[in-house]
Amino acid sequence: MMELSSAFLGVVIGAVATIIFHGFADKWEERATIAREVRYREACVKEYQSGWSFDRCQRDANQQAKKAEKELMACVAVTEKQNATIAEIERACQTSEGDVLP
């Protein structure tokens, strides 16, 4: 009986540690993504201030917006379909990052 309770305690501690670790990993990944975006924007501003064209950064932003619009329209088209399955909706509503659109 004692081995069973200690095994159960080990499983519970392992589960809690896994949840905490995944929470920290998600936050680290989010911070890294934000830092990359900030560095990219700072580089665009520096290029602009040093006399270079701001077109590259604007073009990248426009391409991202077009891609997001295309993904959203595909999602809307599937959700408006009468007999759409959950699998079809999830597949159509996934972003390029792998997240499902709200």
N, C-alpha and C. Protein backbone atom coordinates (compact mmCIF):
# COMPACT_ATOMS: atom_id res chain seq x y z
N MET A 1 0.82 -1.19 0.00
CA MET A 1 0.00 0.00 0.00
C MET A 1 0.87 1.26 0.00
N MET A 2 1.98 1.20 0.74
CA MET A 2 2.88 2.35 0.83
C MET A 2 3.52 2.65 -0.53
N GLU A 3 3.85 1.56 -1.29
CA GLU A 3 4.46 1.75 -2.60
C GLU A 3 3.47 2.42 -3.56
N LEU A 4 2.21 2.07 -3.44
CA LEU A 4 1.18 2.64 -4.30
C LEU A 4 1.01 4.13 -4.04
N SER A 5 1.00 4.53 -2.78
CA SER A 5 0.84 5.95 -2.46
C SER A 5 2.07 6.75 -2.86
N SER A 6 3.27 6.17 -2.72
CA SER A 6 4.47 6.89 -3.13
C SER A 6 4.54 6.98 -4.65
N ALA A 7 4.08 5.95 -5.36
CA ALA A 7 4.04 6.00 -6.82
C ALA A 7 3.05 7.06 -7.28
N PHE A 8 1.90 7.11 -6.62
CA PHE A 8 0.89 8.12 -6.96
C PHE A 8 1.43 9.52 -6.71
N LEU A 9 2.14 9.70 -5.59
CA LEU A 9 2.74 10.99 -5.27
C LEU A 9 3.76 11.38 -6.33
N GLY A 10 4.54 10.41 -6.79
CA GLY A 10 5.52 10.67 -7.84
C GLY A 10 4.87 11.11 -9.14
N VAL A 11 3.77 10.47 -9.48
CA VAL A 11 3.03 10.83 -10.70
C VAL A 11 2.48 12.25 -10.58
N VAL A 12 1.92 12.57 -9.43
CA VAL A 12 1.35 13.91 -9.22
C VAL A 12 2.45 14.96 -9.29
N ILE A 13 3.58 14.72 -8.63
CA ILE A 13 4.69 15.69 -8.66
C ILE A 13 5.21 15.84 -10.08
N GLY A 14 5.33 14.74 -10.81
CA GLY A 14 5.78 14.80 -12.20
C GLY A 14 4.83 15.60 -13.08
N ALA A 15 3.54 15.41 -12.87
CA ALA A 15 2.54 16.14 -13.66
C ALA A 15 2.60 17.63 -13.37
N VAL A 16 2.72 17.98 -12.10
CA VAL A 16 2.80 19.40 -11.72
C VAL A 16 4.07 20.02 -12.30
N ALA A 17 5.20 19.30 -12.20
CA ALA A 17 6.46 19.82 -12.74
C ALA A 17 6.36 20.01 -14.25
N THR A 18 5.71 19.09 -14.94
CA THR A 18 5.54 19.21 -16.39
C THR A 18 4.70 20.42 -16.75
N ILE A 19 3.62 20.63 -16.02
CA ILE A 19 2.76 21.79 -16.28
C ILE A 19 3.53 23.08 -16.07
N ILE A 20 4.28 23.16 -14.99
CA ILE A 20 5.06 24.37 -14.70
C ILE A 20 6.12 24.58 -15.77
N PHE A 21 6.82 23.51 -16.16
CA PHE A 21 7.86 23.63 -17.18
C PHE A 21 7.28 24.12 -18.50
N HIS A 22 6.15 23.55 -18.91
CA HIS A 22 5.53 23.98 -20.17
C HIS A 22 5.08 25.44 -20.10
N GLY A 23 4.61 25.87 -18.95
CA GLY A 23 4.23 27.27 -18.79
C GLY A 23 5.42 28.20 -18.98
N PHE A 24 6.55 27.84 -18.36
CA PHE A 24 7.76 28.65 -18.52
C PHE A 24 8.27 28.61 -19.95
N ALA A 25 8.22 27.44 -20.58
CA ALA A 25 8.69 27.31 -21.96
C ALA A 25 7.86 28.18 -22.90
N ASP A 26 6.54 28.21 -22.70
CA ASP A 26 5.68 29.05 -23.53
C ASP A 26 6.01 30.52 -23.36
N LYS A 27 6.25 30.93 -22.12
CA LYS A 27 6.60 32.33 -21.86
C LYS A 27 7.94 32.68 -22.48
N TRP A 28 8.93 31.78 -22.40
CA TRP A 28 10.23 32.04 -23.01
C TRP A 28 10.10 32.17 -24.52
N GLU A 29 9.31 31.29 -25.12
CA GLU A 29 9.11 31.34 -26.56
C GLU A 29 8.42 32.64 -26.97
N GLU A 30 7.43 33.05 -26.19
CA GLU A 30 6.72 34.30 -26.47
C GLU A 30 7.67 35.50 -26.36
N ARG A 31 8.50 35.50 -25.33
CA ARG A 31 9.47 36.60 -25.17
C ARG A 31 10.47 36.63 -26.31
N ALA A 32 10.93 35.45 -26.75
CA ALA A 32 11.87 35.39 -27.86
C ALA A 32 11.23 35.91 -29.14
N THR A 33 9.98 35.58 -29.37
CA THR A 33 9.27 36.07 -30.56
C THR A 33 9.13 37.58 -30.52
N ILE A 34 8.78 38.11 -29.36
CA ILE A 34 8.64 39.56 -29.21
C ILE A 34 9.99 40.23 -29.42
N ALA A 35 11.05 39.66 -28.87
CA ALA A 35 12.39 40.24 -29.03
C ALA A 35 12.81 40.25 -30.49
N ARG A 36 12.53 39.17 -31.23
CA ARG A 36 12.86 39.14 -32.67
C ARG A 36 12.10 40.22 -33.42
N GLU A 37 10.83 40.39 -33.11
CA GLU A 37 10.02 41.41 -33.78
C GLU A 37 10.55 42.80 -33.48
N VAL A 38 10.92 43.04 -32.22
CA VAL A 38 11.46 44.35 -31.84
C VAL A 38 12.76 44.61 -32.57
N ARG A 39 13.66 43.61 -32.63
CA ARG A 39 14.93 43.80 -33.34
C ARG A 39 14.70 44.09 -34.82
N TYR A 40 13.75 43.39 -35.42
CA TYR A 40 13.44 43.60 -36.83
C TYR A 40 12.94 45.02 -37.06
N ARG A 41 12.02 45.47 -36.22
CA ARG A 41 11.48 46.82 -36.37
C ARG A 41 12.55 47.88 -36.13
N GLU A 42 13.42 47.65 -35.15
CA GLU A 42 14.50 48.60 -34.90
C GLU A 42 15.44 48.67 -36.09
N ALA A 43 15.72 47.53 -36.72
CA ALA A 43 16.57 47.52 -37.91
C ALA A 43 15.91 48.30 -39.04
N CYS A 44 14.61 48.17 -39.20
CA CYS A 44 13.90 48.92 -40.24
C CYS A 44 13.99 50.42 -39.98
N VAL A 45 13.81 50.81 -38.73
CA VAL A 45 13.88 52.23 -38.38
C VAL A 45 15.28 52.76 -38.60
N LYS A 46 16.30 51.98 -38.22
CA LYS A 46 17.69 52.42 -38.42
C LYS A 46 17.99 52.59 -39.90
N GLU A 47 17.51 51.65 -40.73
CA GLU A 47 17.71 51.77 -42.17
C GLU A 47 17.06 53.05 -42.69
N TYR A 48 15.87 53.32 -42.22
CA TYR A 48 15.14 54.51 -42.66
C TYR A 48 15.87 55.77 -42.23
N GLN A 49 16.35 55.79 -40.99
CA GLN A 49 17.03 56.97 -40.46
C GLN A 49 18.37 57.20 -41.14
N SER A 50 19.01 56.13 -41.60
CA SER A 50 20.30 56.29 -42.25
C SER A 50 20.17 56.58 -43.74
N GLY A 51 18.96 56.80 -44.20
CA GLY A 51 18.77 57.20 -45.58
C GLY A 51 18.32 56.08 -46.49
N TRP A 52 18.30 54.85 -46.00
CA TRP A 52 17.84 53.75 -46.82
C TRP A 52 16.32 53.76 -46.90
N SER A 53 15.83 53.10 -47.88
CA SER A 53 14.38 53.05 -48.09
C SER A 53 13.69 52.20 -47.03
N PHE A 54 12.51 52.61 -46.66
CA PHE A 54 11.70 51.87 -45.70
C PHE A 54 10.84 50.84 -46.43
N ASP A 55 11.00 50.74 -47.74
CA ASP A 55 10.14 49.89 -48.57
C ASP A 55 10.19 48.42 -48.19
N ARG A 56 11.39 47.92 -47.84
CA ARG A 56 11.52 46.49 -47.53
C ARG A 56 10.64 46.12 -46.35
N CYS A 57 10.68 46.93 -45.31
CA CYS A 57 9.88 46.63 -44.12
C CYS A 57 8.39 46.77 -44.42
N GLN A 58 8.04 47.77 -45.20
CA GLN A 58 6.64 47.96 -45.55
C GLN A 58 6.14 46.81 -46.42
N ARG A 59 7.00 46.37 -47.35
CA ARG A 59 6.63 45.24 -48.22
C ARG A 59 6.40 43.98 -47.39
N ASP A 60 7.30 43.72 -46.42
CA ASP A 60 7.14 42.55 -45.56
C ASP A 60 5.84 42.62 -44.77
N ALA A 61 5.52 43.80 -44.25
CA ALA A 61 4.28 43.97 -43.49
C ALA A 61 3.06 43.73 -44.39
N ASN A 62 3.13 44.23 -45.62
CA ASN A 62 2.02 44.03 -46.56
C ASN A 62 1.85 42.56 -46.91
N GLN A 63 2.97 41.84 -47.10
CA GLN A 63 2.89 40.42 -47.41
C GLN A 63 2.29 39.64 -46.25
N GLN A 64 2.66 39.99 -45.03
CA GLN A 64 2.10 39.32 -43.85
C GLN A 64 0.60 39.58 -43.76
N ALA A 65 0.19 40.80 -44.05
CA ALA A 65 -1.23 41.14 -43.98
C ALA A 65 -2.02 40.38 -45.05
N LYS A 66 -1.48 40.28 -46.26
CA LYS A 66 -2.16 39.54 -47.33
C LYS A 66 -2.28 38.06 -46.98
N LYS A 67 -1.21 37.50 -46.41
CA LYS A 67 -1.23 36.09 -46.03
C LYS A 67 -2.27 35.85 -44.93
N ALA A 68 -2.32 36.73 -43.95
CA ALA A 68 -3.29 36.59 -42.86
C ALA A 68 -4.72 36.72 -43.39
N GLU A 69 -4.93 37.65 -44.33
CA GLU A 69 -6.26 37.82 -44.91
C GLU A 69 -6.69 36.57 -45.68
N LYS A 70 -5.76 35.99 -46.43
CA LYS A 70 -6.06 34.79 -47.19
C LYS A 70 -6.42 33.63 -46.25
N GLU A 71 -5.65 33.48 -45.15
CA GLU A 71 -5.94 32.43 -44.17
C GLU A 71 -7.32 32.64 -43.53
N LEU A 72 -7.62 33.88 -43.21
CA LEU A 72 -8.90 34.19 -42.57
C LEU A 72 -10.07 33.94 -43.52
N MET A 73 -9.92 34.32 -44.78
CA MET A 73 -10.99 34.11 -45.75
C MET A 73 -11.24 32.62 -46.00
N ALA A 74 -10.17 31.81 -46.00
CA ALA A 74 -10.34 30.37 -46.16
C ALA A 74 -11.09 29.79 -44.96
N CYS A 75 -10.78 30.30 -43.78
CA CYS A 75 -11.46 29.85 -42.57
C CYS A 75 -12.94 30.23 -42.61
N VAL A 76 -13.23 31.45 -43.01
CA VAL A 76 -14.62 31.92 -43.08
C VAL A 76 -15.41 31.10 -44.10
N ALA A 77 -14.79 30.80 -45.24
CA ALA A 77 -15.48 30.03 -46.28
C ALA A 77 -15.87 28.65 -45.77
N VAL A 78 -14.98 28.01 -45.03
CA VAL A 78 -15.28 26.67 -44.52
C VAL A 78 -16.34 26.72 -43.43
N THR A 79 -16.26 27.71 -42.55
CA THR A 79 -17.24 27.79 -41.46
C THR A 79 -18.64 28.15 -41.98
N GLU A 80 -18.72 28.83 -43.12
CA GLU A 80 -20.02 29.16 -43.70
C GLU A 80 -20.63 27.97 -44.45
N LYS A 81 -19.80 26.99 -44.76
CA LYS A 81 -20.28 25.80 -45.46
C LYS A 81 -21.21 25.02 -44.53
N GLN A 82 -22.33 24.55 -45.05
CA GLN A 82 -23.36 23.93 -44.20
C GLN A 82 -22.91 22.64 -43.53
N ASN A 83 -22.28 21.76 -44.25
CA ASN A 83 -21.95 20.45 -43.71
C ASN A 83 -20.46 20.31 -43.40
N ALA A 84 -19.84 21.37 -42.97
CA ALA A 84 -18.40 21.32 -42.66
C ALA A 84 -18.17 20.51 -41.38
N THR A 85 -17.17 19.66 -41.43
CA THR A 85 -16.83 18.87 -40.24
C THR A 85 -15.85 19.67 -39.38
N ILE A 86 -15.72 19.25 -38.14
CA ILE A 86 -14.78 19.91 -37.23
C ILE A 86 -13.36 19.81 -37.77
N ALA A 87 -13.01 18.67 -38.34
CA ALA A 87 -11.65 18.48 -38.89
C ALA A 87 -11.39 19.46 -40.03
N GLU A 88 -12.39 19.66 -40.90
CA GLU A 88 -12.23 20.62 -42.00
C GLU A 88 -12.05 22.03 -41.47
N ILE A 89 -12.84 22.38 -40.48
CA ILE A 89 -12.75 23.73 -39.90
C ILE A 89 -11.40 23.95 -39.25
N GLU A 90 -10.94 22.98 -38.45
CA GLU A 90 -9.64 23.12 -37.80
C GLU A 90 -8.51 23.21 -38.82
N ARG A 91 -8.58 22.41 -39.88
CA ARG A 91 -7.54 22.43 -40.91
C ARG A 91 -7.53 23.78 -41.65
N ALA A 92 -8.71 24.30 -41.96
CA ALA A 92 -8.80 25.56 -42.70
C ALA A 92 -8.49 26.76 -41.82
N CYS A 93 -8.74 26.64 -40.53
CA CYS A 93 -8.59 27.79 -39.64
C CYS A 93 -7.26 27.80 -38.90
N GLN A 94 -6.31 26.98 -39.33
CA GLN A 94 -4.99 27.03 -38.71
C GLN A 94 -4.17 28.13 -39.35
N THR A 95 -3.46 28.88 -38.51
CA THR A 95 -2.58 29.92 -39.02
C THR A 95 -1.26 29.30 -39.42
N SER A 96 -0.40 30.08 -40.04
CA SER A 96 0.90 29.58 -40.44
C SER A 96 1.76 29.21 -39.24
N GLU A 97 1.43 29.76 -38.06
CA GLU A 97 2.16 29.41 -36.84
C GLU A 97 1.63 28.14 -36.21
N GLY A 98 0.53 27.60 -36.74
CA GLY A 98 -0.03 26.37 -36.21
C GLY A 98 -1.16 26.59 -35.22
N ASP A 99 -1.45 27.83 -34.88
CA ASP A 99 -2.55 28.12 -33.96
C ASP A 99 -3.86 28.07 -34.73
N VAL A 100 -4.92 27.74 -34.02
CA VAL A 100 -6.25 27.77 -34.64
C VAL A 100 -6.83 29.15 -34.43
N LEU A 101 -7.36 29.72 -35.51
CA LEU A 101 -7.96 31.05 -35.42
C LEU A 101 -9.16 31.01 -34.48
N PRO A 102 -9.39 32.09 -33.71
CA PRO A 102 -10.55 32.10 -32.80
C PRO A 102 -11.86 32.16 -33.55
